[in-house]
């Protein structure tokens, strides 16, 4: 596998990182967890709380490709620009698997493997993940709550 010089910079909640993450969030065309962009102050508070097991800004030399987080259910959220290559994605996932191991499985709660959640509208990323050998395991549907 050809690898590129991908660097995963841990999110430390610095002002620079908060701004960078907000720019990335603002430019996303596919979302899973929100439908409206939070205001900057709410975003800053969210980053400061660092709700993930691990969170990294993805860099290729001086170029920022996006960010990636790992949750406590072993899911990986990969937020990157549409120009990211399959080779770059492979490098990111390789680095994560070298840096972290999945948490132990809990029946009916957590798998023993890492998995990626991808917005249903993000066909570009879905295709790239399939092309590098990842298998689709499920589809999720949102049930709107009644008021």
C-alpha atoms as a PDB file:
ATOM      1  CA  UNK A   1       0.000   0.000   0.000  1.00  0.00           C
ATOM      2  CA  UNK A   2       1.370   3.366  -0.992  1.00  0.00           C
ATOM      3  CA  UNK A   3       1.167   5.727   1.969  1.00  0.00           C
ATOM      4  CA  UNK A   4       1.242   9.477   2.063  1.00  0.00           C
ATOM      5  CA  UNK A   5       2.620  11.647   4.845  1.00  0.00           C
ATOM      6  CA  UNK A   6      -0.613  11.980   6.782  1.00  0.00           C
ATOM      7  CA  UNK A   7      -0.354  13.432  10.279  1.00  0.00           C
ATOM      8  CA  UNK A   8      -3.070  13.171  12.922  1.00  0.00           C
ATOM      9  CA  UNK A   9      -2.842  16.192  15.217  1.00  0.00           C
ATOM     10  CA  UNK A  10      -4.706  15.673  18.520  1.00  0.00           C
ATOM     11  CA  UNK A  11      -7.463  18.214  19.155  1.00  0.00           C
ATOM     12  CA  UNK A  12      -6.447  20.296  22.174  1.00  0.00           C
ATOM     13  CA  UNK A  13      -9.199  22.944  21.943  1.00  0.00           C
ATOM     14  CA  UNK A  14      -6.773  25.737  21.090  1.00  0.00           C
ATOM     15  CA  UNK A  15      -8.321  28.856  19.561  1.00  0.00           C
ATOM     16  CA  UNK A  16      -6.713  27.993  16.227  1.00  0.00           C
ATOM     17  CA  UNK A  17      -8.172  24.487  16.267  1.00  0.00           C
ATOM     18  CA  UNK A  18     -11.617  25.708  17.320  1.00  0.00           C
ATOM     19  CA  UNK A  19     -11.631  28.127  14.377  1.00  0.00           C
ATOM     20  CA  UNK A  20     -10.371  25.474  11.969  1.00  0.00           C
ATOM     21  CA  UNK A  21     -12.957  22.928  13.126  1.00  0.00           C
ATOM     22  CA  UNK A  22     -15.715  25.539  12.795  1.00  0.00           C
ATOM     23  CA  UNK A  23     -14.621  26.313   9.238  1.00  0.00           C
ATOM     24  CA  UNK A  24     -14.736  22.601   8.447  1.00  0.00           C
ATOM     25  CA  UNK A  25     -18.152  22.221  10.064  1.00  0.00           C
ATOM     26  CA  UNK A  26     -19.463  25.242   8.130  1.00  0.00           C
ATOM     27  CA  UNK A  27     -18.318  23.847   4.805  1.00  0.00           C
ATOM     28  CA  UNK A  28     -19.761  20.333   5.198  1.00  0.00           C
ATOM     29  CA  UNK A  29     -22.373  19.314   2.678  1.00  0.00           C
ATOM     30  CA  UNK A  30     -23.320  16.052   4.443  1.00  0.00           C
ATOM     31  CA  UNK A  31     -24.195  15.817   8.134  1.00  0.00           C
ATOM     32  CA  UNK A  32     -25.407  13.141  10.499  1.00  0.00           C
ATOM     33  CA  UNK A  33     -25.629  14.777  13.912  1.00  0.00           C
ATOM     34  CA  UNK A  34     -26.986  18.225  13.123  1.00  0.00           C
ATOM     35  CA  UNK A  35     -29.162  19.949  10.562  1.00  0.00           C
ATOM     36  CA  UNK A  36     -28.419  23.536  11.536  1.00  0.00           C
ATOM     37  CA  UNK A  37     -24.978  24.995  12.015  1.00  0.00           C
ATOM     38  CA  UNK A  38     -24.391  25.775  15.703  1.00  0.00           C
ATOM     39  CA  UNK A  39     -23.274  29.273  16.581  1.00  0.00           C
ATOM     40  CA  UNK A  40     -19.567  29.781  17.178  1.00  0.00           C
ATOM     41  CA  UNK A  41     -19.833  29.978  20.967  1.00  0.00           C
ATOM     42  CA  UNK A  42     -21.754  26.678  21.181  1.00  0.00           C
ATOM     43  CA  UNK A  43     -19.175  25.124  18.878  1.00  0.00           C
ATOM     44  CA  UNK A  44     -16.316  26.413  21.043  1.00  0.00           C
ATOM     45  CA  UNK A  45     -17.950  24.920  24.155  1.00  0.00           C
ATOM     46  CA  UNK A  46     -18.471  21.606  22.347  1.00  0.00           C
ATOM     47  CA  UNK A  47     -14.815  21.406  21.322  1.00  0.00           C
ATOM     48  CA  UNK A  48     -13.720  22.323  24.862  1.00  0.00           C
ATOM     49  CA  UNK A  49     -15.801  19.428  26.263  1.00  0.00           C
ATOM     50  CA  UNK A  50     -14.048  17.052  23.833  1.00  0.00           C
ATOM     51  CA  UNK A  51     -16.809  14.394  23.951  1.00  0.00           C
ATOM     52  CA  UNK A  52     -14.858  11.794  21.971  1.00  0.00           C
ATOM     53  CA  UNK A  53     -12.462   9.059  22.974  1.00  0.00           C
ATOM     54  CA  UNK A  54      -9.964  10.558  20.530  1.00  0.00           C
ATOM     55  CA  UNK A  55     -10.153  13.460  18.060  1.00  0.00           C
ATOM     56  CA  UNK A  56      -7.633  14.507  15.447  1.00  0.00           C
ATOM     57  CA  UNK A  57      -7.158  17.119  12.768  1.00  0.00           C
ATOM     58  CA  UNK A  58      -6.001  15.407   9.572  1.00  0.00           C
ATOM     59  CA  UNK A  59      -3.019  17.054   7.912  1.00  0.00           C
ATOM     60  CA  UNK A  60      -1.018  16.340   4.780  1.00  0.00           C
ATOM     61  CA  UNK A  61       2.096  18.434   5.279  1.00  0.00           C
ATOM     62  CA  UNK A  62       0.675  22.000   5.598  1.00  0.00           C
ATOM     63  CA  UNK A  63      -2.681  21.113   4.048  1.00  0.00           C
ATOM     64  CA  UNK A  64      -5.639  20.334   6.337  1.00  0.00           C
ATOM     65  CA  UNK A  65      -7.770  17.511   4.931  1.00  0.00           C
ATOM     66  CA  UNK A  66     -10.403  17.390   7.682  1.00  0.00           C
ATOM     67  CA  UNK A  67     -10.830  15.803  11.080  1.00  0.00           C
ATOM     68  CA  UNK A  68     -11.559  12.386  12.480  1.00  0.00           C
ATOM     69  CA  UNK A  69     -12.939  11.282  15.838  1.00  0.00           C
ATOM     70  CA  UNK A  70     -13.358   7.966  17.587  1.00  0.00           C
ATOM     71  CA  UNK A  71     -16.306   7.504  19.943  1.00  0.00           C
ATOM     72  CA  UNK A  72     -16.687   5.170  22.907  1.00  0.00           C
ATOM     73  CA  UNK A  73     -18.854   2.807  20.829  1.00  0.00           C
ATOM     74  CA  UNK A  74     -15.860   2.181  18.496  1.00  0.00           C
ATOM     75  CA  UNK A  75     -17.383   4.310  15.744  1.00  0.00           C
ATOM     76  CA  UNK A  76     -15.208   6.575  13.649  1.00  0.00           C
ATOM     77  CA  UNK A  77     -16.436   9.889  12.267  1.00  0.00           C
ATOM     78  CA  UNK A  78     -14.414  10.890   9.220  1.00  0.00           C
ATOM     79  CA  UNK A  79     -15.012  14.477   8.121  1.00  0.00           C
ATOM     80  CA  UNK A  80     -12.874  15.376   5.149  1.00  0.00           C
ATOM     81  CA  UNK A  81     -12.982  17.367   1.950  1.00  0.00           C
ATOM     82  CA  UNK A  82     -14.355  15.674  -1.163  1.00  0.00           C
ATOM     83  CA  UNK A  83     -10.924  15.680  -2.803  1.00  0.00           C
ATOM     84  CA  UNK A  84      -9.457  13.251  -0.270  1.00  0.00           C
ATOM     85  CA  UNK A  85      -8.076  10.200  -2.024  1.00  0.00           C
ATOM     86  CA  UNK A  86      -8.608   6.542  -1.264  1.00  0.00           C
ATOM     87  CA  UNK A  87      -4.903   6.252  -0.433  1.00  0.00           C
ATOM     88  CA  UNK A  88      -5.201   9.109   2.067  1.00  0.00           C
ATOM     89  CA  UNK A  89      -8.243   7.471   3.678  1.00  0.00           C
ATOM     90  CA  UNK A  90      -6.322   4.201   3.961  1.00  0.00           C
ATOM     91  CA  UNK A  91      -3.434   6.063   5.616  1.00  0.00           C
ATOM     92  CA  UNK A  92      -5.778   7.746   8.109  1.00  0.00           C
ATOM     93  CA  UNK A  93      -7.452   4.463   9.058  1.00  0.00           C
ATOM     94  CA  UNK A  94      -4.068   2.753   9.324  1.00  0.00           C
ATOM     95  CA  UNK A  95      -2.776   5.453  11.680  1.00  0.00           C
ATOM     96  CA  UNK A  96      -5.904   5.185  13.831  1.00  0.00           C
ATOM     97  CA  UNK A  97      -5.544   1.401  14.057  1.00  0.00           C
ATOM     98  CA  UNK A  98      -1.882   1.816  15.073  1.00  0.00           C
ATOM     99  CA  UNK A  99      -2.700   4.494  17.651  1.00  0.00           C
ATOM    100  CA  UNK A 100      -5.857   2.971  19.156  1.00  0.00           C
ATOM    101  CA  UNK A 101      -7.426  -0.424  19.540  1.00  0.00           C
ATOM    102  CA  UNK A 102     -11.197  -0.916  19.614  1.00  0.00           C
ATOM    103  CA  UNK A 103     -12.658  -1.016  23.098  1.00  0.00           C
ATOM    104  CA  UNK A 104     -13.711  -4.463  24.267  1.00  0.00           C
ATOM    105  CA  UNK A 105     -17.079  -5.600  22.948  1.00  0.00           C
ATOM    106  CA  UNK A 106     -20.227  -5.343  25.031  1.00  0.00           C
ATOM    107  CA  UNK A 107     -23.056  -7.583  23.762  1.00  0.00           C
ATOM    108  CA  UNK A 108     -25.857  -5.573  22.122  1.00  0.00           C
ATOM    109  CA  UNK A 109     -23.965  -2.341  22.913  1.00  0.00           C
ATOM    110  CA  UNK A 110     -20.554  -2.241  21.233  1.00  0.00           C
ATOM    111  CA  UNK A 111     -18.840  -4.254  18.509  1.00  0.00           C
ATOM    112  CA  UNK A 112     -15.266  -5.467  18.854  1.00  0.00           C
ATOM    113  CA  UNK A 113     -14.320  -3.607  15.655  1.00  0.00           C
ATOM    114  CA  UNK A 114     -14.060  -0.014  14.548  1.00  0.00           C
ATOM    115  CA  UNK A 115     -16.798   1.099  12.141  1.00  0.00           C
ATOM    116  CA  UNK A 116     -17.520   4.307  10.268  1.00  0.00           C
ATOM    117  CA  UNK A 117     -20.754   6.247  10.217  1.00  0.00           C
ATOM    118  CA  UNK A 118     -21.235   8.023   6.896  1.00  0.00           C
ATOM    119  CA  UNK A 119     -24.089  10.336   5.968  1.00  0.00           C
ATOM    120  CA  UNK A 120     -26.421   8.712   3.439  1.00  0.00           C
ATOM    121  CA  UNK A 121     -25.945  11.741   1.172  1.00  0.00           C
ATOM    122  CA  UNK A 122     -22.143  11.330   1.146  1.00  0.00           C
ATOM    123  CA  UNK A 123     -21.970   8.961  -1.824  1.00  0.00           C
ATOM    124  CA  UNK A 124     -18.417  10.103  -2.615  1.00  0.00           C
ATOM    125  CA  UNK A 125     -17.037   8.869   0.728  1.00  0.00           C
ATOM    126  CA  UNK A 126     -19.165   5.707   0.642  1.00  0.00           C
ATOM    127  CA  UNK A 127     -17.718   4.810  -2.755  1.00  0.00           C
ATOM    128  CA  UNK A 128     -14.137   5.435  -1.620  1.00  0.00           C
ATOM    129  CA  UNK A 129     -14.614   3.297   1.499  1.00  0.00           C
ATOM    130  CA  UNK A 130     -16.034   0.433  -0.577  1.00  0.00           C
ATOM    131  CA  UNK A 131     -13.185   0.780  -3.091  1.00  0.00           C
ATOM    132  CA  UNK A 132     -10.583   0.301  -0.334  1.00  0.00           C
ATOM    133  CA  UNK A 133     -12.325  -2.833   0.896  1.00  0.00           C
ATOM    134  CA  UNK A 134     -14.632  -1.704   3.708  1.00  0.00           C
ATOM    135  CA  UNK A 135     -17.996  -3.484   3.776  1.00  0.00           C
ATOM    136  CA  UNK A 136     -21.315  -1.792   4.425  1.00  0.00           C
ATOM    137  CA  UNK A 137     -22.875  -3.342   7.517  1.00  0.00           C
ATOM    138  CA  UNK A 138     -26.124  -1.457   8.116  1.00  0.00           C
ATOM    139  CA  UNK A 139     -28.270   1.546   7.284  1.00  0.00           C
ATOM    140  CA  UNK A 140     -29.823   3.765   9.918  1.00  0.00           C
ATOM    141  CA  UNK A 141     -33.146   5.540   9.764  1.00  0.00           C
ATOM    142  CA  UNK A 142     -34.230   8.480  11.904  1.00  0.00           C
ATOM    143  CA  UNK A 143     -37.609   8.398  13.601  1.00  0.00           C
ATOM    144  CA  UNK A 144     -38.828  11.943  14.148  1.00  0.00           C
ATOM    145  CA  UNK A 145     -40.312  12.461  17.602  1.00  0.00           C
ATOM    146  CA  UNK A 146     -43.811  13.818  17.875  1.00  0.00           C
ATOM    147  CA  UNK A 147     -44.360  17.036  19.740  1.00  0.00           C
END
